Amino acid sequence: MYLCGILILFDGFFMRKNIFLLLTVMATVFLSGCNGTDGPVVWVKADDFARLVKKYPGALIIDLRSRDDFDVDHWPGAVPLHYEHEEFEGFLRQLSPRQVYLMYDYNGKQSKKVASIMEGLYFQKVYAVRGGWERIQVWQEKELRPS
């Protein structure tokens, strides 16, 4: 939509005369929305996730894996919310979009789907672990390993 307006504005004489200005305006329009966060969701490494848990003690930590896997092992304080549960989106609608949410799944794939839903519901601060629980476990093993 922006592009159409820009092309009309710079049509004809102005287009030829101010091609540099056109490219500058186009770059500004396209790059202004690019913050590298995929909308309201910020993808973080496992060690950054651990820091965010400390930074936001009131954040809701969501484990998107199955209940069985959650029962075996999970992040302290996390709540189980399996993505394929029939009431999943209804549960998300009950949450405040202004609260901070930290989430992980098995390997990052479900988090991408949930991120899309949360973006559609106008959530503002969502952090997801790139690589999911698999990366958290690797990080935990590295942290617990003696130097």
N, C-alpha and C. Protein backbone atom coordinates (compact mmCIF):
# COMPACT_ATOMS: atom_id res chain seq x y z
N MET A 1 0.82 -1.18 0.00
CA MET A 1 0.00 0.00 0.00
C MET A 1 0.87 1.26 0.00
N TYR A 2 1.89 1.26 0.87
CA TYR A 2 2.80 2.40 0.89
C TYR A 2 3.49 2.57 -0.45
N LEU A 3 3.87 1.43 -1.03
CA LEU A 3 4.61 1.46 -2.28
C LEU A 3 3.77 2.11 -3.38
N CYS A 4 2.49 1.78 -3.46
CA CYS A 4 1.61 2.37 -4.48
C CYS A 4 1.55 3.89 -4.32
N GLY A 5 1.40 4.36 -3.10
CA GLY A 5 1.35 5.80 -2.85
C GLY A 5 2.65 6.47 -3.23
N ILE A 6 3.74 5.84 -2.95
CA ILE A 6 5.05 6.41 -3.27
C ILE A 6 5.22 6.48 -4.78
N LEU A 7 4.84 5.42 -5.48
CA LEU A 7 5.00 5.42 -6.93
C LEU A 7 4.12 6.48 -7.59
N ILE A 8 2.91 6.66 -7.11
CA ILE A 8 2.04 7.69 -7.66
C ILE A 8 2.63 9.06 -7.39
N LEU A 9 3.10 9.28 -6.17
CA LEU A 9 3.68 10.56 -5.79
C LEU A 9 4.88 10.93 -6.65
N PHE A 10 5.70 9.96 -6.96
CA PHE A 10 6.93 10.22 -7.69
C PHE A 10 6.82 9.84 -9.17
N ASP A 11 5.63 9.72 -9.67
CA ASP A 11 5.41 9.35 -11.06
C ASP A 11 5.94 10.42 -12.01
N GLY A 12 6.26 9.98 -13.21
CA GLY A 12 6.63 10.90 -14.28
C GLY A 12 7.89 11.69 -14.00
N PHE A 13 7.75 13.01 -14.07
CA PHE A 13 8.87 13.93 -13.94
C PHE A 13 9.62 13.72 -12.63
N PHE A 14 8.90 13.65 -11.52
CA PHE A 14 9.56 13.52 -10.22
C PHE A 14 10.30 12.19 -10.09
N MET A 15 9.76 11.16 -10.72
CA MET A 15 10.38 9.84 -10.65
C MET A 15 11.77 9.89 -11.28
N ARG A 16 11.86 10.48 -12.47
CA ARG A 16 13.16 10.55 -13.15
C ARG A 16 14.11 11.50 -12.45
N LYS A 17 13.57 12.58 -11.96
CA LYS A 17 14.39 13.63 -11.37
C LYS A 17 14.90 13.25 -9.98
N ASN A 18 14.10 12.51 -9.23
CA ASN A 18 14.43 12.25 -7.83
C ASN A 18 14.49 10.76 -7.50
N ILE A 19 15.13 10.01 -8.34
CA ILE A 19 15.20 8.56 -8.12
C ILE A 19 15.88 8.24 -6.78
N PHE A 20 16.88 9.01 -6.42
CA PHE A 20 17.56 8.80 -5.15
C PHE A 20 16.60 9.03 -3.98
N LEU A 21 15.80 10.08 -4.06
CA LEU A 21 14.82 10.36 -3.03
C LEU A 21 13.79 9.23 -2.95
N LEU A 22 13.37 8.72 -4.08
CA LEU A 22 12.42 7.62 -4.11
C LEU A 22 12.99 6.40 -3.39
N LEU A 23 14.22 6.06 -3.70
CA LEU A 23 14.83 4.90 -3.07
C LEU A 23 15.00 5.12 -1.56
N THR A 24 15.33 6.32 -1.17
CA THR A 24 15.47 6.64 0.25
C THR A 24 14.14 6.49 0.98
N VAL A 25 13.08 7.03 0.40
CA VAL A 25 11.75 6.93 1.01
C VAL A 25 11.31 5.47 1.09
N MET A 26 11.51 4.73 0.01
CA MET A 26 11.11 3.31 0.01
C MET A 26 11.87 2.53 1.08
N ALA A 27 13.16 2.75 1.18
CA ALA A 27 13.95 2.05 2.19
C ALA A 27 13.47 2.39 3.59
N THR A 28 13.14 3.65 3.82
CA THR A 28 12.64 4.07 5.13
C THR A 28 11.33 3.39 5.45
N VAL A 29 10.42 3.33 4.49
CA VAL A 29 9.12 2.70 4.71
C VAL A 29 9.30 1.22 5.02
N PHE A 30 10.10 0.53 4.23
CA PHE A 30 10.25 -0.90 4.43
C PHE A 30 11.04 -1.25 5.68
N LEU A 31 12.04 -0.47 5.99
CA LEU A 31 12.88 -0.79 7.14
C LEU A 31 12.29 -0.32 8.46
N SER A 32 11.35 0.59 8.43
CA SER A 32 10.80 1.11 9.68
C SER A 32 10.07 0.02 10.46
N GLY A 33 9.54 -0.97 9.78
CA GLY A 33 8.85 -2.05 10.46
C GLY A 33 9.73 -3.23 10.76
N CYS A 34 10.99 -3.17 10.42
CA CYS A 34 11.88 -4.33 10.59
C CYS A 34 12.70 -4.18 11.85
N ASN A 35 12.25 -4.82 12.93
CA ASN A 35 13.02 -4.75 14.17
C ASN A 35 13.64 -6.09 14.53
N GLY A 36 13.47 -7.10 13.65
CA GLY A 36 14.10 -8.39 13.89
C GLY A 36 13.44 -9.20 14.97
N THR A 37 12.21 -8.90 15.33
CA THR A 37 11.59 -9.62 16.43
C THR A 37 10.38 -10.43 16.02
N ASP A 38 10.05 -10.50 14.72
CA ASP A 38 8.85 -11.21 14.28
C ASP A 38 7.62 -10.69 15.01
N GLY A 39 7.38 -9.40 14.98
CA GLY A 39 6.22 -8.82 15.64
C GLY A 39 6.46 -8.71 17.13
N PRO A 40 5.45 -9.03 17.94
CA PRO A 40 5.60 -8.87 19.38
C PRO A 40 6.43 -9.97 20.01
N VAL A 41 6.79 -10.97 19.26
CA VAL A 41 7.55 -12.10 19.80
C VAL A 41 9.03 -11.89 19.54
N VAL A 42 9.81 -11.99 20.60
CA VAL A 42 11.26 -11.88 20.51
C VAL A 42 11.84 -13.27 20.72
N TRP A 43 12.62 -13.74 19.78
CA TRP A 43 13.24 -15.05 19.87
C TRP A 43 14.58 -14.92 20.59
N VAL A 44 14.76 -15.71 21.64
CA VAL A 44 15.96 -15.59 22.48
C VAL A 44 16.65 -16.94 22.62
N LYS A 45 17.94 -16.88 22.96
CA LYS A 45 18.69 -18.09 23.27
C LYS A 45 18.34 -18.53 24.69
N ALA A 46 18.67 -19.77 25.01
CA ALA A 46 18.32 -20.33 26.32
C ALA A 46 18.92 -19.53 27.47
N ASP A 47 20.16 -19.09 27.35
CA ASP A 47 20.76 -18.32 28.45
C ASP A 47 20.07 -16.96 28.61
N ASP A 48 19.62 -16.37 27.50
CA ASP A 48 18.86 -15.12 27.60
C ASP A 48 17.50 -15.36 28.24
N PHE A 49 16.91 -16.51 27.96
CA PHE A 49 15.63 -16.88 28.57
C PHE A 49 15.78 -16.93 30.09
N ALA A 50 16.87 -17.52 30.57
CA ALA A 50 17.12 -17.61 32.01
C ALA A 50 17.24 -16.21 32.62
N ARG A 51 17.90 -15.30 31.92
CA ARG A 51 18.02 -13.93 32.40
C ARG A 51 16.66 -13.22 32.42
N LEU A 52 15.84 -13.49 31.42
CA LEU A 52 14.51 -12.87 31.36
C LEU A 52 13.61 -13.35 32.50
N VAL A 53 13.77 -14.61 32.90
CA VAL A 53 12.98 -15.13 34.03
C VAL A 53 13.30 -14.32 35.27
N LYS A 54 14.57 -13.98 35.46
CA LYS A 54 14.97 -13.17 36.62
C LYS A 54 14.53 -11.71 36.46
N LYS A 55 14.62 -11.20 35.24
CA LYS A 55 14.26 -9.80 35.00
C LYS A 55 12.77 -9.55 35.17
N TYR A 56 11.94 -10.52 34.78
CA TYR A 56 10.48 -10.40 34.86
C TYR A 56 9.91 -11.46 35.79
N PRO A 57 10.04 -11.28 37.10
CA PRO A 57 9.58 -12.33 38.03
C PRO A 57 8.07 -12.58 37.96
N GLY A 58 7.28 -11.65 37.45
CA GLY A 58 5.84 -11.85 37.33
C GLY A 58 5.41 -12.40 35.99
N ALA A 59 6.37 -12.72 35.14
CA ALA A 59 6.03 -13.23 33.80
C ALA A 59 5.40 -14.61 33.90
N LEU A 60 4.52 -14.90 32.97
CA LEU A 60 3.93 -16.23 32.87
C LEU A 60 4.81 -17.06 31.96
N ILE A 61 5.34 -18.15 32.48
CA ILE A 61 6.20 -19.05 31.71
C ILE A 61 5.31 -20.18 31.19
N ILE A 62 5.22 -20.28 29.87
CA ILE A 62 4.34 -21.26 29.24
C ILE A 62 5.15 -22.37 28.60
N ASP A 63 4.84 -23.61 29.01
CA ASP A 63 5.45 -24.80 28.43
C ASP A 63 4.45 -25.37 27.43
N LEU A 64 4.78 -25.34 26.15
CA LEU A 64 3.87 -25.77 25.10
C LEU A 64 3.97 -27.26 24.78
N ARG A 65 4.76 -27.99 25.53
CA ARG A 65 4.90 -29.43 25.27
C ARG A 65 3.72 -30.20 25.87
N SER A 66 3.70 -31.50 25.64
CA SER A 66 2.61 -32.32 26.18
C SER A 66 2.68 -32.36 27.70
N ARG A 67 1.56 -32.68 28.31
CA ARG A 67 1.50 -32.76 29.78
C ARG A 67 2.45 -33.83 30.31
N ASP A 68 2.56 -34.95 29.60
CA ASP A 68 3.48 -36.01 30.03
C ASP A 68 4.92 -35.52 30.06
N ASP A 69 5.34 -34.81 29.02
CA ASP A 69 6.71 -34.29 28.99
C ASP A 69 6.90 -33.21 30.05
N PHE A 70 5.89 -32.40 30.26
CA PHE A 70 5.94 -31.39 31.31
C PHE A 70 6.14 -32.05 32.67
N ASP A 71 5.40 -33.14 32.93
CA ASP A 71 5.51 -33.84 34.21
C ASP A 71 6.88 -34.44 34.44
N VAL A 72 7.56 -34.82 33.36
CA VAL A 72 8.91 -35.40 33.48
C VAL A 72 9.91 -34.32 33.86
N ASP A 73 9.84 -33.17 33.21
CA ASP A 73 10.80 -32.10 33.46
C ASP A 73 10.27 -30.81 32.84
N HIS A 74 10.45 -29.70 33.52
CA HIS A 74 10.03 -28.40 33.00
C HIS A 74 10.76 -27.28 33.73
N TRP A 75 10.64 -26.09 33.19
CA TRP A 75 11.25 -24.92 33.81
C TRP A 75 10.50 -24.63 35.11
N PRO A 76 11.21 -24.35 36.20
CA PRO A 76 10.52 -24.04 37.47
C PRO A 76 9.55 -22.87 37.31
N GLY A 77 8.32 -23.08 37.76
CA GLY A 77 7.31 -22.04 37.69
C GLY A 77 6.51 -22.03 36.39
N ALA A 78 6.88 -22.87 35.43
CA ALA A 78 6.17 -22.91 34.16
C ALA A 78 4.80 -23.56 34.33
N VAL A 79 3.88 -23.17 33.44
CA VAL A 79 2.56 -23.79 33.41
C VAL A 79 2.43 -24.55 32.09
N PRO A 80 1.82 -25.73 32.15
CA PRO A 80 1.65 -26.50 30.91
C PRO A 80 0.47 -25.97 30.10
N LEU A 81 0.70 -25.77 28.84
CA LEU A 81 -0.36 -25.34 27.94
C LEU A 81 -0.06 -25.95 26.58
N HIS A 82 -0.58 -27.14 26.37
CA HIS A 82 -0.28 -27.86 25.14
C HIS A 82 -0.97 -27.18 23.96
N TYR A 83 -0.21 -26.93 22.92
CA TYR A 83 -0.68 -26.18 21.76
C TYR A 83 -1.89 -26.82 21.08
N GLU A 84 -1.96 -28.12 21.05
CA GLU A 84 -3.04 -28.80 20.33
C GLU A 84 -4.30 -29.00 21.18
N HIS A 85 -4.33 -28.48 22.38
CA HIS A 85 -5.52 -28.59 23.23
C HIS A 85 -6.65 -27.79 22.60
N GLU A 86 -7.85 -28.33 22.64
CA GLU A 86 -8.99 -27.69 21.97
C GLU A 86 -9.33 -26.30 22.51
N GLU A 87 -8.99 -26.03 23.75
CA GLU A 87 -9.31 -24.73 24.36
C GLU A 87 -8.12 -23.77 24.34
N PHE A 88 -7.09 -24.10 23.56
CA PHE A 88 -5.85 -23.33 23.57
C PHE A 88 -6.08 -21.84 23.27
N GLU A 89 -6.68 -21.55 22.13
CA GLU A 89 -6.86 -20.14 21.76
C GLU A 89 -7.80 -19.43 22.72
N GLY A 90 -8.81 -20.14 23.22
CA GLY A 90 -9.72 -19.54 24.20
C GLY A 90 -8.98 -19.15 25.47
N PHE A 91 -8.03 -19.99 25.89
CA PHE A 91 -7.22 -19.67 27.07
C PHE A 91 -6.39 -18.42 26.81
N LEU A 92 -5.78 -18.35 25.62
CA LEU A 92 -4.95 -17.17 25.31
C LEU A 92 -5.78 -15.89 25.32
N ARG A 93 -7.02 -15.98 24.89
CA ARG A 93 -7.90 -14.80 24.85
C ARG A 93 -8.20 -14.27 26.25
N GLN A 94 -8.08 -15.11 27.26
CA GLN A 94 -8.33 -14.70 28.64
C GLN A 94 -7.13 -13.99 29.26
N LEU A 95 -5.98 -14.09 28.64
CA LEU A 95 -4.77 -13.49 29.19
C LEU A 95 -4.65 -12.02 28.79
N SER A 96 -3.96 -11.27 29.62
CA SER A 96 -3.73 -9.86 29.33
C SER A 96 -2.64 -9.72 28.27
N PRO A 97 -2.90 -9.01 27.18
CA PRO A 97 -1.87 -8.84 26.16
C PRO A 97 -0.72 -7.94 26.61
N ARG A 98 -0.85 -7.29 27.77
CA ARG A 98 0.20 -6.40 28.27
C ARG A 98 1.19 -7.09 29.21
N GLN A 99 0.85 -8.27 29.67
CA GLN A 99 1.74 -9.01 30.57
C GLN A 99 2.92 -9.55 29.77
N VAL A 100 3.99 -9.90 30.47
CA VAL A 100 5.16 -10.51 29.84
C VAL A 100 4.98 -12.03 29.85
N TYR A 101 5.25 -12.65 28.69
CA TYR A 101 5.13 -14.10 28.56
C TYR A 101 6.45 -14.67 28.06
N LEU A 102 6.84 -15.76 28.68
CA LEU A 102 8.04 -16.49 28.28
C LEU A 102 7.57 -17.89 27.89
N MET A 103 7.91 -18.35 26.70
CA MET A 103 7.41 -19.66 26.29
C MET A 103 8.48 -20.49 25.61
N TYR A 104 8.25 -21.79 25.68
CA TYR A 104 9.11 -22.74 24.99
C TYR A 104 8.28 -23.96 24.63
N ASP A 105 8.76 -24.68 23.65
CA ASP A 105 8.14 -25.93 23.23
C ASP A 105 9.25 -26.98 23.12
N TYR A 106 9.10 -27.94 22.24
CA TYR A 106 10.14 -28.96 22.07
C TYR A 106 11.37 -28.39 21.37
N ASN A 107 11.16 -27.78 20.21
CA ASN A 107 12.28 -27.36 19.38
C ASN A 107 12.06 -26.02 18.67
N GLY A 108 11.01 -25.30 19.01
CA GLY A 108 10.76 -24.00 18.43
C GLY A 108 9.66 -23.96 17.38
N LYS A 109 9.23 -25.12 16.89
CA LYS A 109 8.22 -25.14 15.82
C LYS A 109 6.84 -24.73 16.31
N GLN A 110 6.40 -25.26 17.44
CA GLN A 110 5.08 -24.89 17.96
C GLN A 110 5.07 -23.43 18.40
N SER A 111 6.19 -22.96 18.92
CA SER A 111 6.27 -21.56 19.36
C SER A 111 6.00 -20.61 18.21
N LYS A 112 6.43 -20.97 17.00
CA LYS A 112 6.17 -20.11 15.85
C LYS A 112 4.68 -20.01 15.58
N LYS A 113 3.97 -21.13 15.69
CA LYS A 113 2.52 -21.11 15.47
C LYS A 113 1.82 -20.30 16.57
N VAL A 114 2.25 -20.51 17.80
CA VAL A 114 1.65 -19.78 18.93
C VAL A 114 1.98 -18.29 18.81
N ALA A 115 3.18 -17.96 18.38
CA ALA A 115 3.56 -16.56 18.19
C ALA A 115 2.62 -15.87 17.21
N SER A 116 2.27 -16.57 16.17
CA SER A 116 1.34 -16.00 15.18
C SER A 116 -0.03 -15.73 15.80
N ILE A 117 -0.51 -16.65 16.60
CA ILE A 117 -1.80 -16.46 17.28
C ILE A 117 -1.72 -15.28 18.25
N MET A 118 -0.64 -15.23 19.03
CA MET A 118 -0.50 -14.16 20.02
C MET A 118 -0.36 -12.80 19.34
N GLU A 119 0.29 -12.77 18.21
CA GLU A 119 0.39 -11.51 17.46
C GLU A 119 -1.00 -11.07 17.01
N GLY A 120 -1.81 -12.02 16.55
CA GLY A 120 -3.17 -11.70 16.14
C GLY A 120 -4.05 -11.22 17.28
N LEU A 121 -3.69 -11.60 18.50
CA LEU A 121 -4.43 -11.18 19.69
C LEU A 121 -3.80 -9.95 20.34
N TYR A 122 -2.83 -9.34 19.67
CA TYR A 122 -2.18 -8.09 20.09
C TYR A 122 -1.36 -8.21 21.38
N PHE A 123 -0.76 -9.37 21.61
CA PHE A 123 0.15 -9.50 22.74
C PHE A 123 1.37 -8.63 22.45
N GLN A 124 1.92 -8.01 23.51
CA GLN A 124 2.98 -7.04 23.32
C GLN A 124 4.38 -7.51 23.71
N LYS A 125 4.48 -8.37 24.74
CA LYS A 125 5.81 -8.81 25.19
C LYS A 125 5.82 -10.33 25.35
N VAL A 126 6.28 -10.98 24.31
CA VAL A 126 6.36 -12.44 24.32
C VAL A 126 7.79 -12.82 23.94
N TYR A 127 8.39 -13.65 24.75
CA TYR A 127 9.74 -14.15 24.47
C TYR A 127 9.66 -15.66 24.28
N ALA A 128 10.26 -16.16 23.23
CA ALA A 128 10.25 -17.58 22.95
C ALA A 128 11.68 -18.07 22.76
N VAL A 129 11.94 -19.27 23.26
CA VAL A 129 13.29 -19.83 23.15
C VAL A 129 13.51 -20.39 21.75
N ARG A 130 14.50 -19.86 21.09
CA ARG A 130 14.88 -20.37 19.78
C ARG A 130 15.47 -21.77 19.98
N GLY A 131 14.81 -22.76 19.41
CA GLY A 131 15.27 -24.14 19.58
C GLY A 131 14.55 -24.86 20.71
N GLY A 132 13.72 -24.17 21.48
CA GLY A 132 12.86 -24.78 22.49
C GLY A 132 13.58 -25.47 23.63
N TRP A 133 12.87 -26.46 24.20
CA TRP A 133 13.36 -27.19 25.37
C TRP A 133 14.68 -27.89 25.09
N GLU A 134 14.87 -28.31 23.84
CA GLU A 134 16.14 -28.96 23.47
C GLU A 134 17.31 -28.03 23.75
N ARG A 135 17.19 -26.76 23.39
CA ARG A 135 18.27 -25.79 23.63
C ARG A 135 18.40 -25.47 25.12
N ILE A 136 17.28 -25.43 25.83
CA ILE A 136 17.34 -25.17 27.27
C ILE A 136 18.12 -26.28 27.95
N GLN A 137 17.87 -27.54 27.57
CA GLN A 137 18.58 -28.66 28.18
C GLN A 137 20.07 -28.60 27.89
N VAL A 138 20.44 -28.26 26.67
CA VAL A 138 21.86 -28.12 26.33
C VAL A 138 22.49 -27.03 27.19
N TRP A 139 21.80 -25.90 27.32
CA TRP A 139 22.31 -24.80 28.15
C TRP A 139 22.45 -25.23 29.61
N GLN A 140 21.43 -25.94 30.14
CA GLN A 140 21.48 -26.38 31.53
C GLN A 140 22.65 -27.32 31.77
N GLU A 141 22.87 -28.24 30.84
CA GLU A 141 24.00 -29.16 30.98
C GLU A 141 25.33 -28.41 30.98
N LYS A 142 25.43 -27.39 30.14
CA LYS A 142 26.66 -26.59 30.07
C LYS A 142 26.85 -25.80 31.37
N GLU A 143 25.77 -25.27 31.92
CA GLU A 143 25.85 -24.49 33.16
C GLU A 143 26.22 -25.35 34.35
N LEU A 144 25.74 -26.57 34.38
CA LEU A 144 25.97 -27.45 35.52
C LEU A 144 27.32 -28.19 35.42
N ARG A 145 27.92 -28.18 34.25
CA ARG A 145 29.19 -28.86 34.03
C ARG A 145 30.29 -28.15 34.81
N PRO A 146 31.10 -28.92 35.57
CA PRO A 146 32.19 -28.26 36.31
C PRO A 146 33.23 -27.66 35.35
N SER A 147 33.78 -26.53 35.75
CA SER A 147 34.77 -25.84 34.89
C SER A 147 36.08 -26.53 34.88
